[in-house]
Amino acid sequence: MVRPERPATLPGCRQAIDRVDAALATLLERRAALAGIVQTLKPVGGFAGRDMARERALVARMAEHAPELGEARLVPIMNAVIEAGLSLAEERSANGRSPQPETTA
């Protein structure tokens, strides 16, 4: 488990949140790109190809890393993340663009 920062001031807290948000945005975009690749590999893709059992297992694993959030709070978050990734994959497919491959820096 990651120890949270404990800034002592409101500006310090907001700066810490901004750093977390920037990292989270980068990870969400990376996840969406990977999910887009998954959509090209599945026999049935998009929203019709959602694997609810896998999604439940994903949330359960995440709750192990974030027990204070717990499964009940993580379900709507991950549902939104999954739907955003699927939406992006469908948009890219409709525009004839393939998912962006991960790059290594």
PDB file of N, CA and C in Angstrom:
ATOM      1  N   MET A   1       0.837  -1.172   0.000  1.00  0.00           N
ATOM      2  CA  MET A   1       0.000   0.000   0.000  1.00  0.00           C
ATOM      3  C   MET A   1       0.888   1.244   0.000  1.00  0.00           C
ATOM      4  N   VAL A   2       0.489   2.234  -0.771  1.00  0.00           N
ATOM      5  CA  VAL A   2       1.250   3.468  -0.886  1.00  0.00           C
ATOM      6  C   VAL A   2       0.886   4.385   0.269  1.00  0.00           C
ATOM      7  N   ARG A   3       1.889   4.933   0.891  1.00  0.00           N
ATOM      8  CA  ARG A   3       1.634   5.890   1.968  1.00  0.00           C
ATOM      9  C   ARG A   3       1.265   7.227   1.351  1.00  0.00           C
ATOM     10  N   PRO A   4       0.138   7.790   1.752  1.00  0.00           N
ATOM     11  CA  PRO A   4      -0.263   9.077   1.186  1.00  0.00           C
ATOM     12  C   PRO A   4       0.625  10.208   1.703  1.00  0.00           C
ATOM     13  N   GLU A   5       0.778  11.207   0.847  1.00  0.00           N
ATOM     14  CA  GLU A   5       1.474  12.411   1.294  1.00  0.00           C
ATOM     15  C   GLU A   5       0.606  13.071   2.358  1.00  0.00           C
ATOM     16  N   ARG A   6       1.213  13.830   3.216  1.00  0.00           N
ATOM     17  CA  ARG A   6       0.460  14.530   4.253  1.00  0.00           C
ATOM     18  C   ARG A   6       0.891  15.995   4.292  1.00  0.00           C
ATOM     19  N   PRO A   7       0.586  16.749   3.224  1.00  0.00           N
ATOM     20  CA  PRO A   7       0.947  18.165   3.234  1.00  0.00           C
ATOM     21  C   PRO A   7       0.233  18.899   4.369  1.00  0.00           C
ATOM     22  N   ALA A   8       0.880  19.927   4.863  1.00  0.00           N
ATOM     23  CA  ALA A   8       0.350  20.641   6.018  1.00  0.00           C
ATOM     24  C   ALA A   8      -0.479  21.866   5.651  1.00  0.00           C
ATOM     25  N   THR A   9      -0.478  22.222   4.363  1.00  0.00           N
ATOM     26  CA  THR A   9      -1.208  23.422   3.946  1.00  0.00           C
ATOM     27  C   THR A   9      -2.166  23.096   2.818  1.00  0.00           C
ATOM     28  N   LEU A  10      -3.167  23.953   2.641  1.00  0.00           N
ATOM     29  CA  LEU A  10      -4.116  23.778   1.550  1.00  0.00           C
ATOM     30  C   LEU A  10      -3.419  23.829   0.190  1.00  0.00           C
ATOM     31  N   PRO A  11      -2.545  24.811  -0.069  1.00  0.00           N
ATOM     32  CA  PRO A  11      -1.836  24.807  -1.359  1.00  0.00           C
ATOM     33  C   PRO A  11      -0.982  23.549  -1.545  1.00  0.00           C
ATOM     34  N   GLY A  12      -0.363  23.079  -0.478  1.00  0.00           N
ATOM     35  CA  GLY A  12       0.442  21.859  -0.563  1.00  0.00           C
ATOM     36  C   GLY A  12      -0.415  20.651  -0.903  1.00  0.00           C
ATOM     37  N   CYS A  13      -1.594  20.585  -0.287  1.00  0.00           N
ATOM     38  CA  CYS A  13      -2.528  19.481  -0.599  1.00  0.00           C
ATOM     39  C   CYS A  13      -2.973  19.541  -2.053  1.00  0.00           C
ATOM     40  N   ARG A  14      -3.301  20.733  -2.514  1.00  0.00           N
ATOM     41  CA  ARG A  14      -3.748  20.877  -3.901  1.00  0.00           C
ATOM     42  C   ARG A  14      -2.640  20.537  -4.886  1.00  0.00           C
ATOM     43  N   GLN A  15      -1.421  20.899  -4.578  1.00  0.00           N
ATOM     44  CA  GLN A  15      -0.296  20.534  -5.450  1.00  0.00           C
ATOM     45  C   GLN A  15      -0.100  19.020  -5.482  1.00  0.00           C
ATOM     46  N   ALA A  16      -0.244  18.379  -4.335  1.00  0.00           N
ATOM     47  CA  ALA A  16      -0.122  16.914  -4.285  1.00  0.00           C
ATOM     48  C   ALA A  16      -1.236  16.259  -5.095  1.00  0.00           C
ATOM     49  N   ILE A  17      -2.460  16.779  -4.976  1.00  0.00           N
ATOM     50  CA  ILE A  17      -3.576  16.254  -5.762  1.00  0.00           C
ATOM     51  C   ILE A  17      -3.312  16.447  -7.251  1.00  0.00           C
ATOM     52  N   ASP A  18      -2.780  17.595  -7.632  1.00  0.00           N
ATOM     53  CA  ASP A  18      -2.467  17.846  -9.047  1.00  0.00           C
ATOM     54  C   ASP A  18      -1.450  16.837  -9.575  1.00  0.00           C
ATOM     55  N   ARG A  19      -0.462  16.482  -8.754  1.00  0.00           N
ATOM     56  CA  ARG A  19       0.535  15.489  -9.179  1.00  0.00           C
ATOM     57  C   ARG A  19      -0.113  14.116  -9.366  1.00  0.00           C
ATOM     58  N   VAL A  20      -0.970  13.739  -8.436  1.00  0.00           N
ATOM     59  CA  VAL A  20      -1.676  12.460  -8.545  1.00  0.00           C
ATOM     60  C   VAL A  20      -2.584  12.466  -9.774  1.00  0.00           C
ATOM     61  N   ASP A  21      -3.307  13.570  -9.988  1.00  0.00           N
ATOM     62  CA  ASP A  21      -4.205  13.665 -11.144  1.00  0.00           C
ATOM     63  C   ASP A  21      -3.439  13.542 -12.461  1.00  0.00           C
ATOM     64  N   ALA A  22      -2.261  14.158 -12.538  1.00  0.00           N
ATOM     65  CA  ALA A  22      -1.454  14.073 -13.763  1.00  0.00           C
ATOM     66  C   ALA A  22      -1.017  12.624 -14.010  1.00  0.00           C
ATOM     67  N   ALA A  23      -0.572  11.948 -12.962  1.00  0.00           N
ATOM     68  CA  ALA A  23      -0.161  10.543 -13.101  1.00  0.00           C
ATOM     69  C   ALA A  23      -1.360   9.674 -13.455  1.00  0.00           C
ATOM     70  N   LEU A  24      -2.499   9.939 -12.826  1.00  0.00           N
ATOM     71  CA  LEU A  24      -3.707   9.174 -13.096  1.00  0.00           C
ATOM     72  C   LEU A  24      -4.155   9.351 -14.548  1.00  0.00           C
ATOM     73  N   ALA A  25      -4.100  10.575 -15.057  1.00  0.00           N
ATOM     74  CA  ALA A  25      -4.491  10.828 -16.449  1.00  0.00           C
ATOM     75  C   ALA A  25      -3.604  10.043 -17.411  1.00  0.00           C
ATOM     76  N   THR A  26      -2.313  10.026 -17.151  1.00  0.00           N
ATOM     77  CA  THR A  26      -1.383   9.280 -17.997  1.00  0.00           C
ATOM     78  C   THR A  26      -1.691   7.785 -17.950  1.00  0.00           C
ATOM     79  N   LEU A  27      -1.955   7.262 -16.766  1.00  0.00           N
ATOM     80  CA  LEU A  27      -2.281   5.841 -16.634  1.00  0.00           C
ATOM     81  C   LEU A  27      -3.620   5.497 -17.287  1.00  0.00           C
ATOM     82  N   LEU A  28      -4.597   6.387 -17.157  1.00  0.00           N
ATOM     83  CA  LEU A  28      -5.899   6.136 -17.781  1.00  0.00           C
ATOM     84  C   LEU A  28      -5.779   6.098 -19.304  1.00  0.00           C
ATOM     85  N   GLU A  29      -4.980   6.994 -19.862  1.00  0.00           N
ATOM     86  CA  GLU A  29      -4.805   6.984 -21.315  1.00  0.00           C
ATOM     87  C   GLU A  29      -4.068   5.721 -21.760  1.00  0.00           C
ATOM     88  N   ARG A  30      -3.086   5.309 -20.980  1.00  0.00           N
ATOM     89  CA  ARG A  30      -2.354   4.073 -21.288  1.00  0.00           C
ATOM     90  C   ARG A  30      -3.297   2.873 -21.230  1.00  0.00           C
ATOM     91  N   ARG A  31      -4.170   2.844 -20.212  1.00  0.00           N
ATOM     92  CA  ARG A  31      -5.129   1.754 -20.081  1.00  0.00           C
ATOM     93  C   ARG A  31      -6.098   1.737 -21.257  1.00  0.00           C
ATOM     94  N   ALA A  32      -6.568   2.913 -21.659  1.00  0.00           N
ATOM     95  CA  ALA A  32      -7.501   2.995 -22.787  1.00  0.00           C
ATOM     96  C   ALA A  32      -6.855   2.474 -24.066  1.00  0.00           C
ATOM     97  N   ALA A  33      -5.580   2.792 -24.272  1.00  0.00           N
ATOM     98  CA  ALA A  33      -4.883   2.298 -25.460  1.00  0.00           C
ATOM     99  C   ALA A  33      -4.780   0.772 -25.434  1.00  0.00           C
ATOM    100  N   LEU A  34      -4.452   0.222 -24.280  1.00  0.00           N
ATOM    101  CA  LEU A  34      -4.367  -1.236 -24.164  1.00  0.00           C
ATOM    102  C   LEU A  34      -5.731  -1.886 -24.358  1.00  0.00           C
ATOM    103  N   ALA A  35      -6.767  -1.274 -23.801  1.00  0.00           N
ATOM    104  CA  ALA A  35      -8.120  -1.805 -23.980  1.00  0.00           C
ATOM    105  C   ALA A  35      -8.529  -1.759 -25.444  1.00  0.00           C
ATOM    106  N   GLY A  36      -8.076  -0.737 -26.158  1.00  0.00           N
ATOM    107  CA  GLY A  36      -8.353  -0.657 -27.591  1.00  0.00           C
ATOM    108  C   GLY A  36      -7.723  -1.804 -28.349  1.00  0.00           C
ATOM    109  N   ILE A  37      -6.522  -2.166 -27.953  1.00  0.00           N
ATOM    110  CA  ILE A  37      -5.859  -3.310 -28.591  1.00  0.00           C
ATOM    111  C   ILE A  37      -6.633  -4.593 -28.293  1.00  0.00           C
ATOM    112  N   VAL A  38      -7.082  -4.737 -27.038  1.00  0.00           N
ATOM    113  CA  VAL A  38      -7.890  -5.908 -26.667  1.00  0.00           C
ATOM    114  C   VAL A  38      -9.106  -6.011 -27.584  1.00  0.00           C
ATOM    115  N   GLN A  39      -9.740  -4.880 -27.872  1.00  0.00           N
ATOM    116  CA  GLN A  39     -10.944  -4.895 -28.716  1.00  0.00           C
ATOM    117  C   GLN A  39     -10.654  -5.444 -30.110  1.00  0.00           C
ATOM    118  N   THR A  40      -9.445  -5.223 -30.606  1.00  0.00           N
ATOM    119  CA  THR A  40      -9.105  -5.745 -31.935  1.00  0.00           C
ATOM    120  C   THR A  40      -8.820  -7.244 -31.893  1.00  0.00           C
ATOM    121  N   LEU A  41      -8.545  -7.774 -30.712  1.00  0.00           N
ATOM    122  CA  LEU A  41      -8.190  -9.190 -30.581  1.00  0.00           C
ATOM    123  C   LEU A  41      -9.379 -10.071 -30.201  1.00  0.00           C
ATOM    124  N   LYS A  42     -10.429  -9.487 -29.650  1.00  0.00           N
ATOM    125  CA  LYS A  42     -11.593 -10.254 -29.205  1.00  0.00           C
ATOM    126  C   LYS A  42     -12.504 -10.570 -30.386  1.00  0.00           C
ATOM    127  N   PRO A  43     -13.147 -11.754 -30.354  1.00  0.00           N
ATOM    128  CA  PRO A  43     -14.086 -12.079 -31.425  1.00  0.00           C
ATOM    129  C   PRO A  43     -15.313 -11.162 -31.421  1.00  0.00           C
ATOM    130  N   VAL A  44     -15.746 -10.737 -30.231  1.00  0.00           N
ATOM    131  CA  VAL A  44     -16.844  -9.789 -30.103  1.00  0.00           C
ATOM    132  C   VAL A  44     -16.311  -8.638 -29.273  1.00  0.00           C
ATOM    133  N   GLY A  45     -16.252  -7.473 -29.889  1.00  0.00           N
ATOM    134  CA  GLY A  45     -15.666  -6.339 -29.193  1.00  0.00           C
ATOM    135  C   GLY A  45     -16.697  -5.336 -28.743  1.00  0.00           C
ATOM    136  N   GLY A  46     -16.202  -4.201 -28.322  1.00  0.00           N
ATOM    137  CA  GLY A  46     -17.065  -3.111 -27.901  1.00  0.00           C
ATOM    138  C   GLY A  46     -17.842  -3.441 -26.647  1.00  0.00           C
ATOM    139  N   PHE A  47     -18.938  -2.727 -26.452  1.00  0.00           N
ATOM    140  CA  PHE A  47     -19.752  -2.909 -25.250  1.00  0.00           C
ATOM    141  C   PHE A  47     -20.357  -4.306 -25.198  1.00  0.00           C
ATOM    142  N   ALA A  48     -20.631  -4.902 -26.373  1.00  0.00           N
ATOM    143  CA  ALA A  48     -21.203  -6.255 -26.408  1.00  0.00           C
ATOM    144  C   ALA A  48     -20.221  -7.297 -25.912  1.00  0.00           C
ATOM    145  N   GLY A  49     -18.946  -7.010 -25.991  1.00  0.00           N
ATOM    146  CA  GLY A  49     -17.926  -7.976 -25.606  1.00  0.00           C
ATOM    147  C   GLY A  49     -17.434  -7.845 -24.174  1.00  0.00           C
ATOM    148  N   ARG A  50     -18.126  -7.056 -23.368  1.00  0.00           N
ATOM    149  CA  ARG A  50     -17.698  -6.885 -21.975  1.00  0.00           C
ATOM    150  C   ARG A  50     -17.799  -8.203 -21.227  1.00  0.00           C
ATOM    151  N   ASP A  51     -16.791  -8.473 -20.429  1.00  0.00           N
ATOM    152  CA  ASP A  51     -16.730  -9.693 -19.624  1.00  0.00           C
ATOM    153  C   ASP A  51     -16.962  -9.284 -18.165  1.00  0.00           C
ATOM    154  N   MET A  52     -18.208  -9.396 -17.732  1.00  0.00           N
ATOM    155  CA  MET A  52     -18.575  -8.915 -16.403  1.00  0.00           C
ATOM    156  C   MET A  52     -17.856  -9.671 -15.289  1.00  0.00           C
ATOM    157  N   ALA A  53     -17.610 -10.960 -15.487  1.00  0.00           N
ATOM    158  CA  ALA A  53     -16.885 -11.724 -14.468  1.00  0.00           C
ATOM    159  C   ALA A  53     -15.463 -11.198 -14.330  1.00  0.00           C
ATOM    160  N   ARG A  54     -14.838 -10.894 -15.454  1.00  0.00           N
ATOM    161  CA  ARG A  54     -13.478 -10.331 -15.416  1.00  0.00           C
ATOM    162  C   ARG A  54     -13.490  -8.960 -14.747  1.00  0.00           C
ATOM    163  N   GLU A  55     -14.503  -8.162 -15.048  1.00  0.00           N
ATOM    164  CA  GLU A  55     -14.591  -6.836 -14.442  1.00  0.00           C
ATOM    165  C   GLU A  55     -14.776  -6.932 -12.931  1.00  0.00           C
ATOM    166  N   ARG A  56     -15.601  -7.869 -12.470  1.00  0.00           N
ATOM    167  CA  ARG A  56     -15.777  -8.061 -11.018  1.00  0.00           C
ATOM    168  C   ARG A  56     -14.460  -8.482 -10.372  1.00  0.00           C
ATOM    169  N   ALA A  57     -13.732  -9.380 -11.030  1.00  0.00           N
ATOM    170  CA  ALA A  57     -12.438  -9.828 -10.501  1.00  0.00           C
ATOM    171  C   ALA A  57     -11.436  -8.668 -10.477  1.00  0.00           C
ATOM    172  N   LEU A  58     -11.471  -7.835 -11.497  1.00  0.00           N
ATOM    173  CA  LEU A  58     -10.596  -6.664 -11.558  1.00  0.00           C
ATOM    174  C   LEU A  58     -10.854  -5.750 -10.363  1.00  0.00           C
ATOM    175  N   VAL A  59     -12.130  -5.473 -10.103  1.00  0.00           N
ATOM    176  CA  VAL A  59     -12.490  -4.603  -8.978  1.00  0.00           C
ATOM    177  C   VAL A  59     -12.061  -5.231  -7.658  1.00  0.00           C
ATOM    178  N   ALA A  60     -12.242  -6.520  -7.511  1.00  0.00           N
ATOM    179  CA  ALA A  60     -11.833  -7.207  -6.279  1.00  0.00           C
ATOM    180  C   ALA A  60     -10.323  -7.086  -6.073  1.00  0.00           C
ATOM    181  N   ARG A  61      -9.548  -7.262  -7.147  1.00  0.00           N
ATOM    182  CA  ARG A  61      -8.086  -7.116  -7.041  1.00  0.00           C
ATOM    183  C   ARG A  61      -7.709  -5.684  -6.686  1.00  0.00           C
ATOM    184  N   MET A  62      -8.394  -4.733  -7.296  1.00  0.00           N
ATOM    185  CA  MET A  62      -8.095  -3.329  -7.000  1.00  0.00           C
ATOM    186  C   MET A  62      -8.417  -3.010  -5.547  1.00  0.00           C
ATOM    187  N   ALA A  63      -9.510  -3.569  -5.033  1.00  0.00           N
ATOM    188  CA  ALA A  63      -9.898  -3.314  -3.645  1.00  0.00           C
ATOM    189  C   ALA A  63      -8.845  -3.842  -2.672  1.00  0.00           C
ATOM    190  N   GLU A  64      -8.113  -4.873  -3.074  1.00  0.00           N
ATOM    191  CA  GLU A  64      -7.012  -5.361  -2.232  1.00  0.00           C
ATOM    192  C   GLU A  64      -5.927  -4.302  -2.105  1.00  0.00           C
ATOM    193  N   HIS A  65      -5.722  -3.514  -3.159  1.00  0.00           N
ATOM    194  CA  HIS A  65      -4.713  -2.447  -3.144  1.00  0.00           C
ATOM    195  C   HIS A  65      -5.255  -1.160  -2.536  1.00  0.00           C
ATOM    196  N   ALA A  66      -6.556  -1.015  -2.532  1.00  0.00           N
ATOM    197  CA  ALA A  66      -7.196   0.196  -2.014  1.00  0.00           C
ATOM    198  C   ALA A  66      -8.353  -0.197  -1.097  1.00  0.00           C
ATOM    199  N   PRO A  67      -8.035  -0.836   0.038  1.00  0.00           N
ATOM    200  CA  PRO A  67      -9.099  -1.356   0.893  1.00  0.00           C
ATOM    201  C   PRO A  67     -10.008  -0.273   1.475  1.00  0.00           C
ATOM    202  N   GLU A  68      -9.505   0.920   1.671  1.00  0.00           N
ATOM    203  CA  GLU A  68     -10.374   1.968   2.215  1.00  0.00           C
ATOM    204  C   GLU A  68     -11.416   2.415   1.194  1.00  0.00           C
ATOM    205  N   LEU A  69     -11.081   2.367  -0.079  1.00  0.00           N
ATOM    206  CA  LEU A  69     -12.079   2.654  -1.112  1.00  0.00           C
ATOM    207  C   LEU A  69     -13.073   1.509  -1.208  1.00  0.00           C
ATOM    208  N   GLY A  70     -12.559   0.288  -1.207  1.00  0.00           N
ATOM    209  CA  GLY A  70     -13.411  -0.893  -1.246  1.00  0.00           C
ATOM    210  C   GLY A  70     -14.095  -1.097  -2.589  1.00  0.00           C
ATOM    211  N   GLU A  71     -14.649  -2.275  -2.744  1.00  0.00           N
ATOM    212  CA  GLU A  71     -15.276  -2.654  -4.007  1.00  0.00           C
ATOM    213  C   GLU A  71     -16.456  -1.758  -4.362  1.00  0.00           C
ATOM    214  N   ALA A  72     -17.285  -1.430  -3.386  1.00  0.00           N
ATOM    215  CA  ALA A  72     -18.493  -0.652  -3.681  1.00  0.00           C
ATOM    216  C   ALA A  72     -18.158   0.703  -4.298  1.00  0.00           C
ATOM    217  N   ARG A  73     -17.096   1.340  -3.845  1.00  0.00           N
ATOM    218  CA  ARG A  73     -16.699   2.634  -4.411  1.00  0.00           C
ATOM    219  C   ARG A  73     -15.939   2.464  -5.722  1.00  0.00           C
ATOM    220  N   LEU A  74     -15.220   1.365  -5.852  1.00  0.00           N
ATOM    221  CA  LEU A  74     -14.422   1.142  -7.058  1.00  0.00           C
ATOM    222  C   LEU A  74     -15.271   0.720  -8.258  1.00  0.00           C
ATOM    223  N   VAL A  75     -16.401   0.063  -8.023  1.00  0.00           N
ATOM    224  CA  VAL A  75     -17.246  -0.400  -9.129  1.00  0.00           C
ATOM    225  C   VAL A  75     -17.619   0.750 -10.072  1.00  0.00           C
ATOM    226  N   PRO A  76     -18.198   1.849  -9.588  1.00  0.00           N
ATOM    227  CA  PRO A  76     -18.579   2.908 -10.532  1.00  0.00           C
ATOM    228  C   PRO A  76     -17.374   3.590 -11.178  1.00  0.00           C
ATOM    229  N   ILE A  77     -16.279   3.673 -10.446  1.00  0.00           N
ATOM    230  CA  ILE A  77     -15.070   4.277 -11.013  1.00  0.00           C
ATOM    231  C   ILE A  77     -14.572   3.434 -12.177  1.00  0.00           C
ATOM    232  N   MET A  78     -14.432   2.133 -11.951  1.00  0.00           N
ATOM    233  CA  MET A  78     -13.911   1.265 -12.994  1.00  0.00           C
ATOM    234  C   MET A  78     -14.897   1.102 -14.139  1.00  0.00           C
ATOM    235  N   ASN A  79     -16.181   1.144 -13.848  1.00  0.00           N
ATOM    236  CA  ASN A  79     -17.171   1.101 -14.922  1.00  0.00           C
ATOM    237  C   ASN A  79     -16.974   2.304 -15.844  1.00  0.00           C
ATOM    238  N   ALA A  80     -16.782   3.480 -15.260  1.00  0.00           N
ATOM    239  CA  ALA A  80     -16.559   4.685 -16.065  1.00  0.00           C
ATOM    240  C   ALA A  80     -15.258   4.585 -16.860  1.00  0.00           C
ATOM    241  N   VAL A  81     -14.213   4.046 -16.246  1.00  0.00           N
ATOM    242  CA  VAL A  81     -12.927   3.886 -16.935  1.00  0.00           C
ATOM    243  C   VAL A  81     -13.077   2.913 -18.103  1.00  0.00           C
ATOM    244  N   ILE A  82     -13.737   1.804 -17.876  1.00  0.00           N
ATOM    245  CA  ILE A  82     -13.934   0.796 -18.922  1.00  0.00           C
ATOM    246  C   ILE A  82     -14.775   1.363 -20.054  1.00  0.00           C
ATOM    247  N   GLU A  83     -15.858   2.042 -19.709  1.00  0.00           N
ATOM    248  CA  GLU A  83     -16.717   2.616 -20.742  1.00  0.00           C
ATOM    249  C   GLU A  83     -15.992   3.687 -21.553  1.00  0.00           C
ATOM    250  N   ALA A  84     -15.165   4.490 -20.905  1.00  0.00           N
ATOM    251  CA  ALA A  84     -14.393   5.501 -21.641  1.00  0.00           C
ATOM    252  C   ALA A  84     -13.424   4.844 -22.614  1.00  0.00           C
ATOM    253  N   GLY A  85     -12.773   3.773 -22.173  1.00  0.00           N
ATOM    254  CA  GLY A  85     -11.859   3.059 -23.053  1.00  0.00           C
ATOM    255  C   GLY A  85     -12.567   2.423 -24.237  1.00  0.00           C
ATOM    256  N   LEU A  86     -13.727   1.826 -23.982  1.00  0.00           N
ATOM    257  CA  LEU A  86     -14.505   1.222 -25.065  1.00  0.00           C
ATOM    258  C   LEU A  86     -14.997   2.291 -26.041  1.00  0.00           C
ATOM    259  N   SER A  87     -15.447   3.399 -25.504  1.00  0.00           N
ATOM    260  CA  SER A  87     -15.915   4.495 -26.352  1.00  0.00           C
ATOM    261  C   SER A  87     -14.799   5.004 -27.256  1.00  0.00           C
ATOM    262  N   LEU A  88     -13.611   5.174 -26.686  1.00  0.00           N
ATOM    263  CA  LEU A  88     -12.470   5.616 -27.485  1.00  0.00           C
ATOM    264  C   LEU A  88     -12.130   4.580 -28.554  1.00  0.00           C
ATOM    265  N   ALA A  89     -12.141   3.298 -28.191  1.00  0.00           N
ATOM    266  CA  ALA A  89     -11.832   2.243 -29.161  1.00  0.00           C
ATOM    267  C   ALA A  89     -12.848   2.244 -30.298  1.00  0.00           C
ATOM    268  N   GLU A  90     -14.128   2.404 -29.969  1.00  0.00           N
ATOM    269  CA  GLU A  90     -15.157   2.433 -31.010  1.00  0.00           C
ATOM    270  C   GLU A  90     -15.003   3.666 -31.902  1.00  0.00           C
ATOM    271  N   GLU A  91     -14.662   4.794 -31.302  1.00  0.00           N
ATOM    272  CA  GLU A  91     -14.450   6.015 -32.084  1.00  0.00           C
ATOM    273  C   GLU A  91     -13.276   5.849 -33.040  1.00  0.00           C
ATOM    274  N   ARG A  92     -12.197   5.281 -32.540  1.00  0.00           N
ATOM    275  CA  ARG A  92     -11.024   5.052 -33.392  1.00  0.00           C
ATOM    276  C   ARG A  92     -11.354   4.086 -34.523  1.00  0.00           C
ATOM    277  N   SER A  93     -12.102   3.040 -34.201  1.00  0.00           N
ATOM    278  CA  SER A  93     -12.481   2.055 -35.214  1.00  0.00           C
ATOM    279  C   SER A  93     -13.364   2.694 -36.285  1.00  0.00           C
ATOM    280  N   ALA A  94     -14.319   3.508 -35.860  1.00  0.00           N
ATOM    281  CA  ALA A  94     -15.228   4.171 -36.806  1.00  0.00           C
ATOM    282  C   ALA A  94     -14.476   5.141 -37.714  1.00  0.00           C
ATOM    283  N   ASN A  95     -13.387   5.697 -37.195  1.00  0.00           N
ATOM    284  CA  ASN A  95     -12.584   6.638 -37.978  1.00  0.00           C
ATOM    285  C   ASN A  95     -11.448   5.950 -38.726  1.00  0.00           C
ATOM    286  N   GLY A  96     -11.414   4.613 -38.668  1.00  0.00           N
ATOM    287  CA  GLY A  96     -10.384   3.857 -39.378  1.00  0.00           C
ATOM    288  C   GLY A  96      -9.004   3.951 -38.765  1.00  0.00           C
ATOM    289  N   ARG A  97      -8.956   4.311 -37.484  1.00  0.00           N
ATOM    290  CA  ARG A  97      -7.654   4.417 -36.803  1.00  0.00           C
ATOM    291  C   ARG A  97      -7.487   3.244 -35.874  1.00  0.00           C
ATOM    292  N   SER A  98      -6.298   2.715 -35.846  1.00  0.00           N
ATOM    293  CA  SER A  98      -6.029   1.596 -34.939  1.00  0.00           C
ATOM    294  C   SER A  98      -5.665   2.146 -33.567  1.00  0.00           C
ATOM    295  N   PRO A  99      -5.767   1.305 -32.532  1.00  0.00           N
ATOM    296  CA  PRO A  99      -5.368   1.746 -31.193  1.00  0.00           C
ATOM    297  C   PRO A  99      -3.898   2.166 -31.200  1.00  0.00           C
ATOM    298  N   GLN A 100      -3.596   3.130 -30.400  1.00  0.00           N
ATOM    299  CA  GLN A 100      -2.224   3.607 -30.310  1.00  0.00           C
ATOM    300  C   GLN A 100      -1.390   2.591 -29.539  1.00  0.00           C
ATOM    301  N   PRO A 101      -0.312   2.107 -30.144  1.00  0.00           N
ATOM    302  CA  PRO A 101       0.550   1.173 -29.406  1.00  0.00           C
ATOM    303  C   PRO A 101       1.277   1.906 -28.304  1.00  0.00           C
ATOM    304  N   GLU A 102       1.614   1.155 -27.286  1.00  0.00           N
ATOM    305  CA  GLU A 102       2.385   1.711 -26.182  1.00  0.00           C
ATOM    306  C   GLU A 102       3.777   2.015 -26.684  1.00  0.00           C
ATOM    307  N   THR A 103       4.308   3.123 -26.277  1.00  0.00           N
ATOM    308  CA  THR A 103       5.674   3.465 -26.629  1.00  0.00           C
ATOM    309  C   THR A 103       6.530   3.368 -25.382  1.00  0.00           C
ATOM    310  N   THR A 104       7.767   3.028 -25.579  1.00  0.00           N
ATOM    311  CA  THR A 104       8.694   2.993 -24.447  1.00  0.00           C
ATOM    312  C   THR A 104       9.619   4.176 -24.582  1.00  0.00           C
ATOM    313  N   ALA A 105       9.835   4.824 -23.488  1.00  0.00           N
ATOM    314  CA  ALA A 105      10.703   6.010 -23.497  1.00  0.00           C
ATOM    315  C   ALA A 105      11.958   5.750 -22.739  1.00  0.00           C
TER     316      ALA A 105
END
